[in-house]
Amino acid sequence: MLTESIVIVPYTSADHGDFRDITKTWVEEYFSLEPFDIAQLEDPEGTVLNQGGAILMAKAGGVTLGTVGLKYVAEGVYEMIKLGVASSHQGKGVGRLLSIAIMDQARFMGGRKLILYSNTKLKAALKLYRSLGFVETSLECGKYLRCDIKMEIDL
C-alpha cells in the first residue's frame, strides 16, 4: 500500500470498534491492558475527546489502518497515546503519518510540548519517535505499569 492513498481523519463514534481493536491487539501482544487502557477503549469520547484531546484514524479505501490519540495534560502540554497500526499494514509508513499528524494536531490545539510514555521492548516505535525528534527525558511513568521510557519533543 502506498502512503499516498492513506488519509488521516478525525475519530468519529463509528470508529470506536477499530480504535478499540487495533489498540487492544498491540497492547495485549506485548503487555496486558491496564485500567486506564480499558477506560479509554470503552469510552474514548469521555476519557480523551471531552477532556481536551483528539483521536486520529489512518484509512485507505474505507479500511482503518491505524490510530493515534492526543491526551491533554496541562496548558501547552499533550501526551501522544494509543499509536497503533493494524499488523497487516505495519512497516509501510502508517505510524509515521499518524505521528506527524498528531504532532500537527497538538500544535493546532496550542501544544508547545508533546510527551509520550513507552517501553524499550517496542524497538520500532522508539526508532520512529527518535527519527521524529523525540528525546528521552527523566523517567516519570506515573500510573503506567508498562512504561520504562519517557520521551518528549518541543513543538
N, C-alpha and C. Protein backbone atom coordinates (compact mmCIF):
# COMPACT_ATOMS: atom_id res chain seq x y z
N MET A 1 0.84 -1.18 0.00
CA MET A 1 0.00 0.00 0.00
C MET A 1 0.88 1.24 0.00
N LEU A 2 0.59 2.15 -0.86
CA LEU A 2 1.34 3.40 -0.91
C LEU A 2 0.79 4.38 0.10
N THR A 3 1.70 5.12 0.76
CA THR A 3 1.23 6.09 1.75
C THR A 3 0.42 7.20 1.11
N GLU A 4 0.54 7.41 -0.20
CA GLU A 4 -0.23 8.46 -0.87
C GLU A 4 -1.73 8.17 -0.83
N SER A 5 -2.13 6.92 -0.71
CA SER A 5 -3.54 6.58 -0.70
C SER A 5 -4.15 6.61 0.71
N ILE A 6 -3.34 6.91 1.70
CA ILE A 6 -3.80 6.94 3.09
C ILE A 6 -4.29 8.34 3.45
N VAL A 7 -5.44 8.40 4.10
CA VAL A 7 -5.94 9.67 4.61
C VAL A 7 -5.99 9.60 6.13
N ILE A 8 -5.71 10.71 6.76
CA ILE A 8 -5.78 10.82 8.22
C ILE A 8 -7.02 11.66 8.52
N VAL A 9 -7.93 11.07 9.28
CA VAL A 9 -9.21 11.73 9.57
C VAL A 9 -9.48 11.73 11.07
N PRO A 10 -10.28 12.69 11.54
CA PRO A 10 -10.64 12.70 12.95
C PRO A 10 -11.53 11.50 13.30
N TYR A 11 -11.39 11.03 14.49
CA TYR A 11 -12.20 9.94 15.03
C TYR A 11 -13.67 10.36 15.08
N THR A 12 -14.54 9.42 14.73
CA THR A 12 -15.98 9.58 14.96
C THR A 12 -16.44 8.34 15.73
N SER A 13 -17.64 8.40 16.26
CA SER A 13 -18.15 7.26 17.03
C SER A 13 -18.19 5.98 16.20
N ALA A 14 -18.29 6.10 14.88
CA ALA A 14 -18.28 4.93 14.01
C ALA A 14 -16.91 4.22 14.02
N ASP A 15 -15.87 4.91 14.48
CA ASP A 15 -14.52 4.35 14.53
C ASP A 15 -14.23 3.61 15.84
N HIS A 16 -15.17 3.61 16.76
CA HIS A 16 -14.92 3.05 18.09
C HIS A 16 -14.38 1.62 18.04
N GLY A 17 -15.00 0.76 17.25
CA GLY A 17 -14.55 -0.64 17.18
C GLY A 17 -13.13 -0.78 16.67
N ASP A 18 -12.80 -0.02 15.62
CA ASP A 18 -11.42 -0.09 15.08
C ASP A 18 -10.41 0.47 16.07
N PHE A 19 -10.74 1.58 16.72
CA PHE A 19 -9.86 2.18 17.73
C PHE A 19 -9.59 1.16 18.84
N ARG A 20 -10.65 0.53 19.33
CA ARG A 20 -10.53 -0.45 20.41
C ARG A 20 -9.72 -1.66 19.94
N ASP A 21 -10.07 -2.22 18.79
CA ASP A 21 -9.45 -3.46 18.34
C ASP A 21 -7.97 -3.30 18.01
N ILE A 22 -7.62 -2.23 17.31
CA ILE A 22 -6.21 -2.01 16.95
C ILE A 22 -5.37 -1.81 18.20
N THR A 23 -5.87 -1.00 19.13
CA THR A 23 -5.13 -0.74 20.36
C THR A 23 -5.01 -2.01 21.21
N LYS A 24 -6.12 -2.68 21.39
CA LYS A 24 -6.13 -3.88 22.23
C LYS A 24 -5.17 -4.94 21.68
N THR A 25 -5.14 -5.09 20.37
CA THR A 25 -4.28 -6.10 19.75
C THR A 25 -2.81 -5.86 20.07
N TRP A 26 -2.32 -4.62 19.88
CA TRP A 26 -0.88 -4.42 20.11
C TRP A 26 -0.55 -4.42 21.59
N VAL A 27 -1.42 -3.85 22.42
CA VAL A 27 -1.12 -3.84 23.85
C VAL A 27 -1.04 -5.27 24.38
N GLU A 28 -2.02 -6.09 24.02
CA GLU A 28 -2.03 -7.46 24.54
C GLU A 28 -0.94 -8.34 23.94
N GLU A 29 -0.40 -7.95 22.79
CA GLU A 29 0.72 -8.70 22.21
C GLU A 29 1.97 -8.59 23.08
N TYR A 30 2.18 -7.41 23.68
CA TYR A 30 3.40 -7.15 24.45
C TYR A 30 3.18 -7.06 25.96
N PHE A 31 1.99 -6.65 26.37
CA PHE A 31 1.72 -6.34 27.77
C PHE A 31 0.33 -6.87 28.13
N SER A 32 -0.29 -6.25 29.10
CA SER A 32 -1.70 -6.52 29.40
C SER A 32 -2.40 -5.17 29.56
N LEU A 33 -3.68 -5.17 29.33
CA LEU A 33 -4.45 -3.94 29.44
C LEU A 33 -4.45 -3.47 30.89
N GLU A 34 -4.21 -2.18 31.07
CA GLU A 34 -4.24 -1.57 32.39
C GLU A 34 -5.58 -0.83 32.53
N PRO A 35 -5.95 -0.45 33.75
CA PRO A 35 -7.24 0.23 33.95
C PRO A 35 -7.44 1.46 33.05
N PHE A 36 -6.39 2.26 32.85
CA PHE A 36 -6.54 3.44 32.00
C PHE A 36 -6.80 3.04 30.54
N ASP A 37 -6.19 1.93 30.09
CA ASP A 37 -6.44 1.43 28.73
C ASP A 37 -7.92 1.09 28.57
N ILE A 38 -8.42 0.32 29.52
CA ILE A 38 -9.81 -0.14 29.45
C ILE A 38 -10.75 1.06 29.42
N ALA A 39 -10.51 2.05 30.27
CA ALA A 39 -11.36 3.24 30.29
C ALA A 39 -11.32 3.96 28.95
N GLN A 40 -10.13 4.14 28.37
CA GLN A 40 -10.00 4.83 27.09
C GLN A 40 -10.63 4.03 25.96
N LEU A 41 -10.50 2.71 25.99
CA LEU A 41 -11.05 1.88 24.92
C LEU A 41 -12.57 1.76 25.02
N GLU A 42 -13.10 1.77 26.23
CA GLU A 42 -14.55 1.69 26.39
C GLU A 42 -15.23 3.03 26.12
N ASP A 43 -14.56 4.13 26.46
CA ASP A 43 -15.18 5.45 26.34
C ASP A 43 -14.18 6.50 25.84
N PRO A 44 -13.76 6.41 24.57
CA PRO A 44 -12.79 7.38 24.06
C PRO A 44 -13.32 8.81 24.08
N GLU A 45 -14.62 8.97 23.88
CA GLU A 45 -15.19 10.32 23.91
C GLU A 45 -15.03 10.94 25.30
N GLY A 46 -15.42 10.20 26.33
CA GLY A 46 -15.38 10.73 27.69
C GLY A 46 -14.00 10.86 28.27
N THR A 47 -13.09 9.93 27.92
CA THR A 47 -11.77 9.93 28.54
C THR A 47 -10.70 10.68 27.75
N VAL A 48 -10.93 10.90 26.46
CA VAL A 48 -9.93 11.59 25.63
C VAL A 48 -10.52 12.85 25.00
N LEU A 49 -11.53 12.68 24.17
CA LEU A 49 -12.06 13.80 23.39
C LEU A 49 -12.68 14.89 24.26
N ASN A 50 -13.51 14.51 25.22
CA ASN A 50 -14.17 15.50 26.06
C ASN A 50 -13.26 16.08 27.14
N GLN A 51 -12.04 15.58 27.22
CA GLN A 51 -11.06 16.09 28.18
C GLN A 51 -10.03 16.99 27.49
N GLY A 52 -10.34 17.45 26.28
CA GLY A 52 -9.44 18.36 25.57
C GLY A 52 -8.46 17.67 24.65
N GLY A 53 -8.70 16.40 24.34
CA GLY A 53 -7.80 15.66 23.48
C GLY A 53 -8.36 15.44 22.08
N ALA A 54 -7.71 14.55 21.36
CA ALA A 54 -8.10 14.24 19.98
C ALA A 54 -7.70 12.80 19.67
N ILE A 55 -8.38 12.22 18.69
CA ILE A 55 -8.01 10.91 18.17
C ILE A 55 -8.06 11.00 16.65
N LEU A 56 -7.03 10.48 16.00
CA LEU A 56 -6.97 10.45 14.55
C LEU A 56 -6.93 9.01 14.06
N MET A 57 -7.50 8.81 12.89
CA MET A 57 -7.55 7.49 12.28
C MET A 57 -6.87 7.55 10.92
N ALA A 58 -6.08 6.53 10.59
CA ALA A 58 -5.50 6.41 9.25
C ALA A 58 -6.36 5.41 8.48
N LYS A 59 -6.80 5.83 7.29
CA LYS A 59 -7.68 4.97 6.49
C LYS A 59 -7.23 4.96 5.04
N ALA A 60 -7.56 3.87 4.38
CA ALA A 60 -7.33 3.75 2.94
C ALA A 60 -8.47 2.91 2.39
N GLY A 61 -9.16 3.44 1.41
CA GLY A 61 -10.26 2.71 0.80
C GLY A 61 -11.34 2.31 1.79
N GLY A 62 -11.56 3.13 2.81
CA GLY A 62 -12.57 2.84 3.81
C GLY A 62 -12.14 1.88 4.89
N VAL A 63 -10.91 1.38 4.82
CA VAL A 63 -10.39 0.44 5.81
C VAL A 63 -9.50 1.20 6.78
N THR A 64 -9.70 0.97 8.07
CA THR A 64 -8.86 1.61 9.08
C THR A 64 -7.53 0.86 9.19
N LEU A 65 -6.44 1.62 9.05
CA LEU A 65 -5.10 1.04 9.11
C LEU A 65 -4.43 1.27 10.46
N GLY A 66 -4.79 2.37 11.12
CA GLY A 66 -4.14 2.70 12.38
C GLY A 66 -4.84 3.84 13.07
N THR A 67 -4.37 4.10 14.28
CA THR A 67 -4.96 5.14 15.11
C THR A 67 -3.92 5.73 16.05
N VAL A 68 -4.20 6.95 16.50
CA VAL A 68 -3.35 7.60 17.49
C VAL A 68 -4.20 8.61 18.25
N GLY A 69 -3.86 8.81 19.50
CA GLY A 69 -4.60 9.76 20.32
C GLY A 69 -3.71 10.84 20.88
N LEU A 70 -4.38 11.88 21.35
CA LEU A 70 -3.72 13.03 21.96
C LEU A 70 -4.47 13.34 23.24
N LYS A 71 -3.78 13.25 24.35
CA LYS A 71 -4.40 13.49 25.65
C LYS A 71 -3.91 14.82 26.20
N TYR A 72 -4.85 15.65 26.63
CA TYR A 72 -4.49 16.92 27.25
C TYR A 72 -3.87 16.62 28.61
N VAL A 73 -2.71 17.26 28.89
CA VAL A 73 -2.02 17.07 30.17
C VAL A 73 -2.09 18.35 31.00
N ALA A 74 -1.67 19.45 30.39
CA ALA A 74 -1.64 20.76 31.06
C ALA A 74 -1.56 21.82 29.96
N GLU A 75 -1.69 23.05 30.33
CA GLU A 75 -1.62 24.13 29.35
C GLU A 75 -0.37 23.98 28.48
N GLY A 76 -0.57 23.78 27.18
CA GLY A 76 0.53 23.67 26.24
C GLY A 76 1.21 22.31 26.18
N VAL A 77 0.74 21.35 26.98
CA VAL A 77 1.37 20.04 27.03
C VAL A 77 0.33 18.96 26.71
N TYR A 78 0.68 18.11 25.76
CA TYR A 78 -0.17 16.98 25.38
C TYR A 78 0.65 15.71 25.43
N GLU A 79 -0.06 14.59 25.55
CA GLU A 79 0.57 13.27 25.54
C GLU A 79 0.08 12.49 24.33
N MET A 80 1.00 11.94 23.57
CA MET A 80 0.63 11.07 22.46
C MET A 80 0.31 9.70 23.05
N ILE A 81 -0.90 9.19 22.73
CA ILE A 81 -1.35 7.91 23.28
C ILE A 81 -1.88 7.02 22.17
N LYS A 82 -1.90 5.75 22.43
CA LYS A 82 -2.60 4.76 21.60
C LYS A 82 -2.18 4.76 20.13
N LEU A 83 -0.89 4.98 19.86
CA LEU A 83 -0.43 4.83 18.48
C LEU A 83 -0.39 3.35 18.16
N GLY A 84 -1.17 2.95 17.17
CA GLY A 84 -1.20 1.55 16.78
C GLY A 84 -1.54 1.41 15.31
N VAL A 85 -0.94 0.42 14.69
CA VAL A 85 -1.18 0.15 13.27
C VAL A 85 -1.57 -1.32 13.15
N ALA A 86 -2.61 -1.58 12.36
CA ALA A 86 -3.02 -2.97 12.13
C ALA A 86 -1.83 -3.78 11.64
N SER A 87 -1.68 -4.99 12.14
CA SER A 87 -0.49 -5.79 11.82
C SER A 87 -0.30 -5.96 10.32
N SER A 88 -1.37 -6.01 9.56
CA SER A 88 -1.26 -6.18 8.11
C SER A 88 -0.70 -4.95 7.40
N HIS A 89 -0.60 -3.83 8.11
CA HIS A 89 -0.12 -2.60 7.49
C HIS A 89 1.12 -2.02 8.17
N GLN A 90 1.72 -2.77 9.07
CA GLN A 90 2.91 -2.28 9.76
C GLN A 90 4.10 -2.26 8.79
N GLY A 91 5.01 -1.34 9.03
CA GLY A 91 6.20 -1.22 8.21
C GLY A 91 5.98 -0.53 6.89
N LYS A 92 4.83 0.14 6.75
CA LYS A 92 4.50 0.81 5.48
C LYS A 92 4.37 2.32 5.62
N GLY A 93 4.80 2.86 6.73
CA GLY A 93 4.78 4.31 6.92
C GLY A 93 3.53 4.85 7.59
N VAL A 94 2.60 3.99 7.97
CA VAL A 94 1.36 4.45 8.57
C VAL A 94 1.62 5.09 9.94
N GLY A 95 2.45 4.47 10.75
CA GLY A 95 2.78 5.02 12.07
C GLY A 95 3.43 6.39 11.97
N ARG A 96 4.30 6.57 10.99
CA ARG A 96 4.94 7.87 10.78
C ARG A 96 3.90 8.92 10.38
N LEU A 97 3.01 8.58 9.46
CA LEU A 97 1.97 9.53 9.05
C LEU A 97 1.09 9.92 10.24
N LEU A 98 0.70 8.94 11.04
CA LEU A 98 -0.12 9.23 12.21
C LEU A 98 0.63 10.09 13.23
N SER A 99 1.90 9.80 13.44
CA SER A 99 2.70 10.56 14.40
C SER A 99 2.84 12.02 13.97
N ILE A 100 3.14 12.23 12.71
CA ILE A 100 3.26 13.60 12.19
C ILE A 100 1.93 14.33 12.29
N ALA A 101 0.85 13.62 11.96
CA ALA A 101 -0.48 14.24 12.02
C ALA A 101 -0.86 14.62 13.45
N ILE A 102 -0.52 13.78 14.43
CA ILE A 102 -0.88 14.09 15.81
C ILE A 102 0.00 15.21 16.35
N MET A 103 1.24 15.30 15.88
CA MET A 103 2.09 16.44 16.26
C MET A 103 1.49 17.74 15.71
N ASP A 104 1.04 17.71 14.47
CA ASP A 104 0.39 18.88 13.87
C ASP A 104 -0.89 19.23 14.63
N GLN A 105 -1.66 18.21 15.01
CA GLN A 105 -2.89 18.43 15.76
C GLN A 105 -2.59 19.08 17.11
N ALA A 106 -1.56 18.61 17.78
CA ALA A 106 -1.17 19.19 19.07
C ALA A 106 -0.80 20.67 18.90
N ARG A 107 -0.04 20.98 17.86
CA ARG A 107 0.31 22.38 17.60
C ARG A 107 -0.95 23.21 17.36
N PHE A 108 -1.86 22.68 16.54
CA PHE A 108 -3.11 23.36 16.22
C PHE A 108 -3.92 23.65 17.48
N MET A 109 -3.84 22.74 18.45
CA MET A 109 -4.60 22.89 19.69
C MET A 109 -3.84 23.69 20.75
N GLY A 110 -2.71 24.28 20.36
CA GLY A 110 -1.95 25.13 21.28
C GLY A 110 -0.84 24.43 22.01
N GLY A 111 -0.51 23.22 21.61
CA GLY A 111 0.55 22.48 22.28
C GLY A 111 1.93 23.04 21.96
N ARG A 112 2.73 23.11 23.00
CA ARG A 112 4.13 23.53 22.84
C ARG A 112 5.09 22.37 23.12
N LYS A 113 4.55 21.34 23.79
CA LYS A 113 5.36 20.16 24.10
C LYS A 113 4.46 18.93 23.97
N LEU A 114 5.05 17.86 23.40
CA LEU A 114 4.36 16.59 23.28
C LEU A 114 5.20 15.54 24.01
N ILE A 115 4.57 14.81 24.90
CA ILE A 115 5.27 13.77 25.64
C ILE A 115 4.69 12.41 25.27
N LEU A 116 5.42 11.37 25.56
CA LEU A 116 4.91 10.01 25.39
C LEU A 116 5.61 9.10 26.37
N TYR A 117 4.91 8.04 26.71
CA TYR A 117 5.44 7.01 27.59
C TYR A 117 5.45 5.72 26.79
N SER A 118 6.57 4.98 26.86
CA SER A 118 6.67 3.77 26.06
C SER A 118 7.45 2.71 26.82
N ASN A 119 7.89 1.72 26.08
CA ASN A 119 8.66 0.63 26.66
C ASN A 119 9.75 0.25 25.68
N THR A 120 10.92 -0.05 26.20
CA THR A 120 12.07 -0.36 25.34
C THR A 120 11.89 -1.65 24.55
N LYS A 121 10.87 -2.46 24.86
CA LYS A 121 10.55 -3.64 24.03
C LYS A 121 10.08 -3.20 22.63
N LEU A 122 9.51 -2.01 22.55
CA LEU A 122 8.90 -1.54 21.30
C LEU A 122 9.94 -0.83 20.45
N LYS A 123 10.90 -1.60 19.96
CA LYS A 123 12.06 -1.04 19.26
C LYS A 123 11.68 -0.24 18.00
N ALA A 124 10.74 -0.72 17.22
CA ALA A 124 10.34 0.01 16.01
C ALA A 124 9.70 1.34 16.37
N ALA A 125 8.88 1.35 17.41
CA ALA A 125 8.24 2.59 17.84
C ALA A 125 9.28 3.59 18.31
N LEU A 126 10.24 3.14 19.12
CA LEU A 126 11.26 4.06 19.63
C LEU A 126 12.12 4.62 18.49
N LYS A 127 12.42 3.79 17.51
CA LYS A 127 13.17 4.27 16.34
C LYS A 127 12.38 5.35 15.62
N LEU A 128 11.09 5.15 15.46
CA LEU A 128 10.23 6.16 14.83
C LEU A 128 10.24 7.44 15.65
N TYR A 129 10.01 7.35 16.95
CA TYR A 129 9.96 8.55 17.79
C TYR A 129 11.26 9.34 17.71
N ARG A 130 12.37 8.62 17.78
CA ARG A 130 13.67 9.32 17.71
C ARG A 130 13.87 9.99 16.35
N SER A 131 13.42 9.34 15.28
CA SER A 131 13.58 9.91 13.94
C SER A 131 12.74 11.18 13.77
N LEU A 132 11.68 11.30 14.58
CA LEU A 132 10.83 12.49 14.52
C LEU A 132 11.33 13.61 15.43
N GLY A 133 12.35 13.33 16.23
CA GLY A 133 12.93 14.35 17.09
C GLY A 133 12.62 14.21 18.56
N PHE A 134 11.90 13.17 18.96
CA PHE A 134 11.65 12.94 20.38
C PHE A 134 12.97 12.57 21.06
N VAL A 135 13.14 13.04 22.29
CA VAL A 135 14.32 12.71 23.07
C VAL A 135 13.88 12.12 24.41
N GLU A 136 14.71 11.23 24.91
CA GLU A 136 14.43 10.62 26.21
C GLU A 136 14.58 11.67 27.29
N THR A 137 13.69 11.63 28.25
CA THR A 137 13.73 12.59 29.34
C THR A 137 13.68 11.82 30.66
N SER A 138 13.62 12.53 31.76
CA SER A 138 13.60 11.86 33.07
C SER A 138 12.45 10.86 33.12
N LEU A 139 12.70 9.75 33.76
CA LEU A 139 11.70 8.69 33.80
C LEU A 139 10.69 8.96 34.91
N GLU A 140 9.50 9.34 34.52
CA GLU A 140 8.38 9.55 35.44
C GLU A 140 7.17 8.88 34.82
N CYS A 141 7.05 7.58 35.03
CA CYS A 141 5.99 6.85 34.36
C CYS A 141 4.65 6.94 35.07
N GLY A 142 4.64 7.41 36.29
CA GLY A 142 3.38 7.58 37.00
C GLY A 142 2.57 6.31 37.05
N LYS A 143 1.34 6.37 36.54
CA LYS A 143 0.39 5.25 36.65
C LYS A 143 0.62 4.15 35.62
N TYR A 144 1.56 4.34 34.69
CA TYR A 144 1.75 3.38 33.60
C TYR A 144 2.70 2.26 34.00
N LEU A 145 2.16 1.08 34.24
CA LEU A 145 2.99 -0.04 34.69
C LEU A 145 3.95 -0.52 33.62
N ARG A 146 3.56 -0.45 32.34
CA ARG A 146 4.42 -0.98 31.27
C ARG A 146 5.50 0.00 30.83
N CYS A 147 5.46 1.20 31.33
CA CYS A 147 6.41 2.24 30.91
C CYS A 147 7.79 2.01 31.50
N ASP A 148 8.83 2.13 30.66
CA ASP A 148 10.19 2.21 31.16
C ASP A 148 11.00 3.27 30.41
N ILE A 149 10.29 4.10 29.60
CA ILE A 149 10.95 5.20 28.92
C ILE A 149 9.93 6.31 28.68
N LYS A 150 10.36 7.53 28.95
CA LYS A 150 9.53 8.70 28.69
C LYS A 150 10.30 9.57 27.69
N MET A 151 9.56 10.08 26.69
CA MET A 151 10.18 10.91 25.66
C MET A 151 9.34 12.16 25.46
N GLU A 152 9.97 13.18 24.89
CA GLU A 152 9.25 14.42 24.61
C GLU A 152 9.87 15.16 23.43
N ILE A 153 9.08 16.07 22.91
CA ILE A 153 9.55 16.93 21.83
C ILE A 153 8.91 18.30 22.00
N ASP A 154 9.69 19.32 21.78
CA ASP A 154 9.15 20.68 21.76
C ASP A 154 8.53 20.90 20.39
N LEU A 155 7.30 21.41 20.41
CA LEU A 155 6.59 21.64 19.15
C LEU A 155 6.84 23.05 18.67
